[in-house]
Each structure stands twice: as C-alpha cells, then as structure tokens.
Amino acid sequence: LGENLLLLGNLGGLAWLYVLYFKKKCDFIKLEKWQTGYLVVYFIWTGIVAFLFPVLFGFK
C-alpha cells in the first residue's frame, strides 16, 4: 500500500506538470527536478521497509 501511494503521488505530480508543460506554463527543467527530487522519497521508503519494518514486525 505504501509503495502504491508513493507511485500515485509521483505520477499525479508528473501528470500535473506535463499538463502545465504542454500549456507552455512551465519548462522541462521543472519536470526533471520533480522526478529527481522524488527519488529521495523512494530512498526513505526503502530504508523504512528494509530497516524499520523488520524491527516492528519481529522478522529475524
């Protein structure tokens, strides 16, 4: 569920920025910054799943 929500947020933001881009209201750099900035969110989620979930759910 968590990953799906992250993807929904990423794709929703990209869709909005693409609409603005095709209407000539923003430039492509903004799209690039959105996508590369969202990588941080994925890294944080990966850290939570890899290190916090095992502790919370008692995996060994």
PDB file of N, CA and C in Angstrom:
ATOM      1  N   LEU A   1       0.830  -1.191   0.000  1.00  0.00           N
ATOM      2  CA  LEU A   1       0.000   0.000   0.000  1.00  0.00           C
ATOM      3  C   LEU A   1       0.875   1.256   0.000  1.00  0.00           C
ATOM      4  N   GLY A   2       1.940   1.226   0.803  1.00  0.00           N
ATOM      5  CA  GLY A   2       2.805   2.401   0.882  1.00  0.00           C
ATOM      6  C   GLY A   2       3.446   2.748  -0.450  1.00  0.00           C
ATOM      7  N   GLU A   3       3.967   1.738  -1.121  1.00  0.00           N
ATOM      8  CA  GLU A   3       4.607   1.976  -2.423  1.00  0.00           C
ATOM      9  C   GLU A   3       3.588   2.461  -3.453  1.00  0.00           C
ATOM     10  N   ASN A   4       2.400   1.905  -3.411  1.00  0.00           N
ATOM     11  CA  ASN A   4       1.368   2.344  -4.350  1.00  0.00           C
ATOM     12  C   ASN A   4       0.997   3.805  -4.119  1.00  0.00           C
ATOM     13  N   LEU A   5       0.938   4.230  -2.875  1.00  0.00           N
ATOM     14  CA  LEU A   5       0.640   5.631  -2.587  1.00  0.00           C
ATOM     15  C   LEU A   5       1.774   6.549  -3.044  1.00  0.00           C
ATOM     16  N   LEU A   6       3.018   6.085  -2.873  1.00  0.00           N
ATOM     17  CA  LEU A   6       4.154   6.871  -3.373  1.00  0.00           C
ATOM     18  C   LEU A   6       4.096   7.012  -4.893  1.00  0.00           C
ATOM     19  N   LEU A   7       3.805   5.914  -5.578  1.00  0.00           N
ATOM     20  CA  LEU A   7       3.699   5.966  -7.033  1.00  0.00           C
ATOM     21  C   LEU A   7       2.549   6.861  -7.476  1.00  0.00           C
ATOM     22  N   LEU A   8       1.430   6.792  -6.762  1.00  0.00           N
ATOM     23  CA  LEU A   8       0.296   7.651  -7.096  1.00  0.00           C
ATOM     24  C   LEU A   8       0.671   9.128  -6.963  1.00  0.00           C
ATOM     25  N   GLY A   9       1.373   9.474  -5.893  1.00  0.00           N
ATOM     26  CA  GLY A   9       1.806  10.851  -5.716  1.00  0.00           C
ATOM     27  C   GLY A   9       2.772  11.298  -6.794  1.00  0.00           C
ATOM     28  N   ASN A  10       3.710  10.420  -7.127  1.00  0.00           N
ATOM     29  CA  ASN A  10       4.692  10.744  -8.159  1.00  0.00           C
ATOM     30  C   ASN A  10       4.016  10.917  -9.518  1.00  0.00           C
ATOM     31  N   LEU A  11       3.183   9.962  -9.895  1.00  0.00           N
ATOM     32  CA  LEU A  11       2.539  10.039 -11.202  1.00  0.00           C
ATOM     33  C   LEU A  11       1.530  11.179 -11.276  1.00  0.00           C
ATOM     34  N   GLY A  12       0.860  11.459 -10.172  1.00  0.00           N
ATOM     35  CA  GLY A  12      -0.060  12.591 -10.154  1.00  0.00           C
ATOM     36  C   GLY A  12       0.669  13.912 -10.334  1.00  0.00           C
ATOM     37  N   GLY A  13       1.793  14.061  -9.635  1.00  0.00           N
ATOM     38  CA  GLY A  13       2.593  15.269  -9.795  1.00  0.00           C
ATOM     39  C   GLY A  13       3.146  15.410 -11.196  1.00  0.00           C
ATOM     40  N   LEU A  14       3.622  14.300 -11.760  1.00  0.00           N
ATOM     41  CA  LEU A  14       4.135  14.337 -13.127  1.00  0.00           C
ATOM     42  C   LEU A  14       3.034  14.675 -14.122  1.00  0.00           C
ATOM     43  N   ALA A  15       1.860  14.107 -13.939  1.00  0.00           N
ATOM     44  CA  ALA A  15       0.751  14.398 -14.849  1.00  0.00           C
ATOM     45  C   ALA A  15       0.411  15.883 -14.813  1.00  0.00           C
ATOM     46  N   TRP A  16       0.368  16.444 -13.613  1.00  0.00           N
ATOM     47  CA  TRP A  16       0.057  17.866 -13.484  1.00  0.00           C
ATOM     48  C   TRP A  16       1.129  18.725 -14.157  1.00  0.00           C
ATOM     49  N   LEU A  17       2.393  18.385 -13.926  1.00  0.00           N
ATOM     50  CA  LEU A  17       3.475  19.149 -14.532  1.00  0.00           C
ATOM     51  C   LEU A  17       3.486  19.001 -16.058  1.00  0.00           C
ATOM     52  N   TYR A  18       3.143  17.820 -16.563  1.00  0.00           N
ATOM     53  CA  TYR A  18       3.060  17.651 -18.014  1.00  0.00           C
ATOM     54  C   TYR A  18       1.942  18.490 -18.602  1.00  0.00           C
ATOM     55  N   VAL A  19       0.823  18.594 -17.914  1.00  0.00           N
ATOM     56  CA  VAL A  19      -0.259  19.462 -18.391  1.00  0.00           C
ATOM     57  C   VAL A  19       0.241  20.899 -18.473  1.00  0.00           C
ATOM     58  N   LEU A  20       0.927  21.357 -17.430  1.00  0.00           N
ATOM     59  CA  LEU A  20       1.474  22.717 -17.440  1.00  0.00           C
ATOM     60  C   LEU A  20       2.525  22.887 -18.529  1.00  0.00           C
ATOM     61  N   TYR A  21       3.334  21.851 -18.737  1.00  0.00           N
ATOM     62  CA  TYR A  21       4.373  21.914 -19.754  1.00  0.00           C
ATOM     63  C   TYR A  21       3.764  22.042 -21.150  1.00  0.00           C
ATOM     64  N   PHE A  22       2.741  21.246 -21.443  1.00  0.00           N
ATOM     65  CA  PHE A  22       2.125  21.309 -22.765  1.00  0.00           C
ATOM     66  C   PHE A  22       1.321  22.583 -22.971  1.00  0.00           C
ATOM     67  N   LYS A  23       0.915  23.220 -21.880  1.00  0.00           N
ATOM     68  CA  LYS A  23       0.246  24.515 -22.000  1.00  0.00           C
ATOM     69  C   LYS A  23       1.255  25.659 -22.017  1.00  0.00           C
ATOM     70  N   LYS A  24       2.556  25.309 -21.992  1.00  0.00           N
ATOM     71  CA  LYS A  24       3.665  26.279 -22.027  1.00  0.00           C
ATOM     72  C   LYS A  24       3.694  27.163 -20.771  1.00  0.00           C
ATOM     73  N   LYS A  25       3.269  26.603 -19.622  1.00  0.00           N
ATOM     74  CA  LYS A  25       3.280  27.366 -18.382  1.00  0.00           C
ATOM     75  C   LYS A  25       4.432  26.979 -17.455  1.00  0.00           C
ATOM     76  N   CYS A  26       5.179  25.947 -17.819  1.00  0.00           N
ATOM     77  CA  CYS A  26       6.406  25.605 -17.094  1.00  0.00           C
ATOM     78  C   CYS A  26       7.369  24.967 -18.080  1.00  0.00           C
ATOM     79  N   ASP A  27       8.636  24.954 -17.709  1.00  0.00           N
ATOM     80  CA  ASP A  27       9.624  24.373 -18.602  1.00  0.00           C
ATOM     81  C   ASP A  27       9.978  22.959 -18.158  1.00  0.00           C
ATOM     82  N   PHE A  28      10.711  22.263 -19.021  1.00  0.00           N
ATOM     83  CA  PHE A  28      11.014  20.862 -18.798  1.00  0.00           C
ATOM     84  C   PHE A  28      11.906  20.658 -17.578  1.00  0.00           C
ATOM     85  N   ILE A  29      12.675  21.660 -17.208  1.00  0.00           N
ATOM     86  CA  ILE A  29      13.553  21.561 -16.043  1.00  0.00           C
ATOM     87  C   ILE A  29      12.733  21.274 -14.785  1.00  0.00           C
ATOM     88  N   LYS A  30      11.554  21.850 -14.693  1.00  0.00           N
ATOM     89  CA  LYS A  30      10.698  21.616 -13.534  1.00  0.00           C
ATOM     90  C   LYS A  30      10.293  20.142 -13.448  1.00  0.00           C
ATOM     91  N   LEU A  31      10.012  19.532 -14.586  1.00  0.00           N
ATOM     92  CA  LEU A  31       9.700  18.096 -14.614  1.00  0.00           C
ATOM     93  C   LEU A  31      10.892  17.264 -14.152  1.00  0.00           C
ATOM     94  N   GLU A  32      12.074  17.613 -14.629  1.00  0.00           N
ATOM     95  CA  GLU A  32      13.278  16.888 -14.221  1.00  0.00           C
ATOM     96  C   GLU A  32      13.522  17.019 -12.730  1.00  0.00           C
ATOM     97  N   LYS A  33      13.359  18.221 -12.204  1.00  0.00           N
ATOM     98  CA  LYS A  33      13.578  18.436 -10.771  1.00  0.00           C
ATOM     99  C   LYS A  33      12.560  17.677  -9.933  1.00  0.00           C
ATOM    100  N   TRP A  34      11.317  17.612 -10.405  1.00  0.00           N
ATOM    101  CA  TRP A  34      10.288  16.846  -9.684  1.00  0.00           C
ATOM    102  C   TRP A  34      10.688  15.373  -9.608  1.00  0.00           C
ATOM    103  N   GLN A  35      11.074  14.807 -10.760  1.00  0.00           N
ATOM    104  CA  GLN A  35      11.374  13.386 -10.807  1.00  0.00           C
ATOM    105  C   GLN A  35      12.619  13.051  -9.999  1.00  0.00           C
ATOM    106  N   THR A  36      13.666  13.840 -10.124  1.00  0.00           N
ATOM    107  CA  THR A  36      14.883  13.547  -9.368  1.00  0.00           C
ATOM    108  C   THR A  36      14.695  13.860  -7.888  1.00  0.00           C
ATOM    109  N   GLY A  37      13.893  14.846  -7.565  1.00  0.00           N
ATOM    110  CA  GLY A  37      13.619  15.140  -6.162  1.00  0.00           C
ATOM    111  C   GLY A  37      12.791  14.059  -5.501  1.00  0.00           C
ATOM    112  N   TYR A  38      11.947  13.402  -6.260  1.00  0.00           N
ATOM    113  CA  TYR A  38      11.100  12.342  -5.706  1.00  0.00           C
ATOM    114  C   TYR A  38      11.897  11.082  -5.400  1.00  0.00           C
ATOM    115  N   LEU A  39      13.102  10.958  -5.964  1.00  0.00           N
ATOM    116  CA  LEU A  39      13.948   9.811  -5.650  1.00  0.00           C
ATOM    117  C   LEU A  39      14.256   9.748  -4.158  1.00  0.00           C
ATOM    118  N   VAL A  40      14.364  10.890  -3.517  1.00  0.00           N
ATOM    119  CA  VAL A  40      14.618  10.929  -2.076  1.00  0.00           C
ATOM    120  C   VAL A  40      13.481  10.246  -1.321  1.00  0.00           C
ATOM    121  N   VAL A  41      12.258  10.466  -1.763  1.00  0.00           N
ATOM    122  CA  VAL A  41      11.103   9.834  -1.126  1.00  0.00           C
ATOM    123  C   VAL A  41      11.196   8.320  -1.268  1.00  0.00           C
ATOM    124  N   TYR A  42      11.586   7.844  -2.443  1.00  0.00           N
ATOM    125  CA  TYR A  42      11.742   6.396  -2.646  1.00  0.00           C
ATOM    126  C   TYR A  42      12.850   5.826  -1.772  1.00  0.00           C
ATOM    127  N   PHE A  43      13.953   6.550  -1.631  1.00  0.00           N
ATOM    128  CA  PHE A  43      15.050   6.074  -0.785  1.00  0.00           C
ATOM    129  C   PHE A  43      14.623   5.998   0.673  1.00  0.00           C
ATOM    130  N   ILE A  44      13.874   6.984   1.136  1.00  0.00           N
ATOM    131  CA  ILE A  44      13.386   6.963   2.510  1.00  0.00           C
ATOM    132  C   ILE A  44      12.440   5.786   2.716  1.00  0.00           C
ATOM    133  N   TRP A  45      11.534   5.564   1.774  1.00  0.00           N
ATOM    134  CA  TRP A  45      10.606   4.438   1.888  1.00  0.00           C
ATOM    135  C   TRP A  45      11.363   3.112   1.886  1.00  0.00           C
ATOM    136  N   THR A  46      12.387   2.988   1.043  1.00  0.00           N
ATOM    137  CA  THR A  46      13.191   1.771   1.013  1.00  0.00           C
ATOM    138  C   THR A  46      13.878   1.537   2.349  1.00  0.00           C
ATOM    139  N   GLY A  47      14.394   2.594   2.956  1.00  0.00           N
ATOM    140  CA  GLY A  47      15.018   2.471   4.268  1.00  0.00           C
ATOM    141  C   GLY A  47      14.037   2.030   5.336  1.00  0.00           C
ATOM    142  N   ILE A  48      12.834   2.570   5.294  1.00  0.00           N
ATOM    143  CA  ILE A  48      11.812   2.179   6.262  1.00  0.00           C
ATOM    144  C   ILE A  48      11.473   0.701   6.099  1.00  0.00           C
ATOM    145  N   VAL A  49      11.267   0.265   4.859  1.00  0.00           N
ATOM    146  CA  VAL A  49      10.908  -1.135   4.612  1.00  0.00           C
ATOM    147  C   VAL A  49      12.058  -2.069   4.978  1.00  0.00           C
ATOM    148  N   ALA A  50      13.279  -1.673   4.674  1.00  0.00           N
ATOM    149  CA  ALA A  50      14.428  -2.559   4.891  1.00  0.00           C
ATOM    150  C   ALA A  50      14.874  -2.606   6.346  1.00  0.00           C
ATOM    151  N   PHE A  51      14.766  -1.486   7.066  1.00  0.00           N
ATOM    152  CA  PHE A  51      15.327  -1.447   8.408  1.00  0.00           C
ATOM    153  C   PHE A  51      14.293  -1.322   9.523  1.00  0.00           C
ATOM    154  N   LEU A  52      13.214  -0.620   9.296  1.00  0.00           N
ATOM    155  CA  LEU A  52      12.234  -0.401  10.355  1.00  0.00           C
ATOM    156  C   LEU A  52      11.179  -1.502  10.406  1.00  0.00           C
ATOM    157  N   PHE A  53      10.682  -1.938   9.270  1.00  0.00           N
ATOM    158  CA  PHE A  53       9.651  -2.977   9.253  1.00  0.00           C
ATOM    159  C   PHE A  53      10.094  -4.272   9.928  1.00  0.00           C
ATOM    160  N   PRO A  54      11.319  -4.755   9.675  1.00  0.00           N
ATOM    161  CA  PRO A  54      11.724  -5.986  10.364  1.00  0.00           C
ATOM    162  C   PRO A  54      11.710  -5.842  11.886  1.00  0.00           C
ATOM    163  N   VAL A  55      12.087  -4.684  12.380  1.00  0.00           N
ATOM    164  CA  VAL A  55      12.076  -4.467  13.827  1.00  0.00           C
ATOM    165  C   VAL A  55      10.645  -4.391  14.340  1.00  0.00           C
ATOM    166  N   LEU A  56       9.789  -3.680  13.623  1.00  0.00           N
ATOM    167  CA  LEU A  56       8.406  -3.525  14.057  1.00  0.00           C
ATOM    168  C   LEU A  56       7.628  -4.840  14.041  1.00  0.00           C
ATOM    169  N   PHE A  57       7.886  -5.680  13.049  1.00  0.00           N
ATOM    170  CA  PHE A  57       7.114  -6.903  12.901  1.00  0.00           C
ATOM    171  C   PHE A  57       7.855  -8.136  13.377  1.00  0.00           C
ATOM    172  N   GLY A  58       9.054  -7.963  13.964  1.00  0.00           N
ATOM    173  CA  GLY A  58       9.781  -9.066  14.572  1.00  0.00           C
ATOM    174  C   GLY A  58      10.353 -10.097  13.606  1.00  0.00           C
ATOM    175  N   PHE A  59      10.734  -9.645  12.402  1.00  0.00           N
ATOM    176  CA  PHE A  59      11.368 -10.570  11.466  1.00  0.00           C
ATOM    177  C   PHE A  59      12.782 -10.875  11.916  1.00  0.00           C
ATOM    178  N   LYS A  60      13.232 -12.091  11.646  1.00  0.00           N
ATOM    179  CA  LYS A  60      14.592 -12.466  12.050  1.00  0.00           C
ATOM    180  C   LYS A  60      15.383 -12.951  10.882  1.00  0.00           C
TER     181      LYS A  60
END
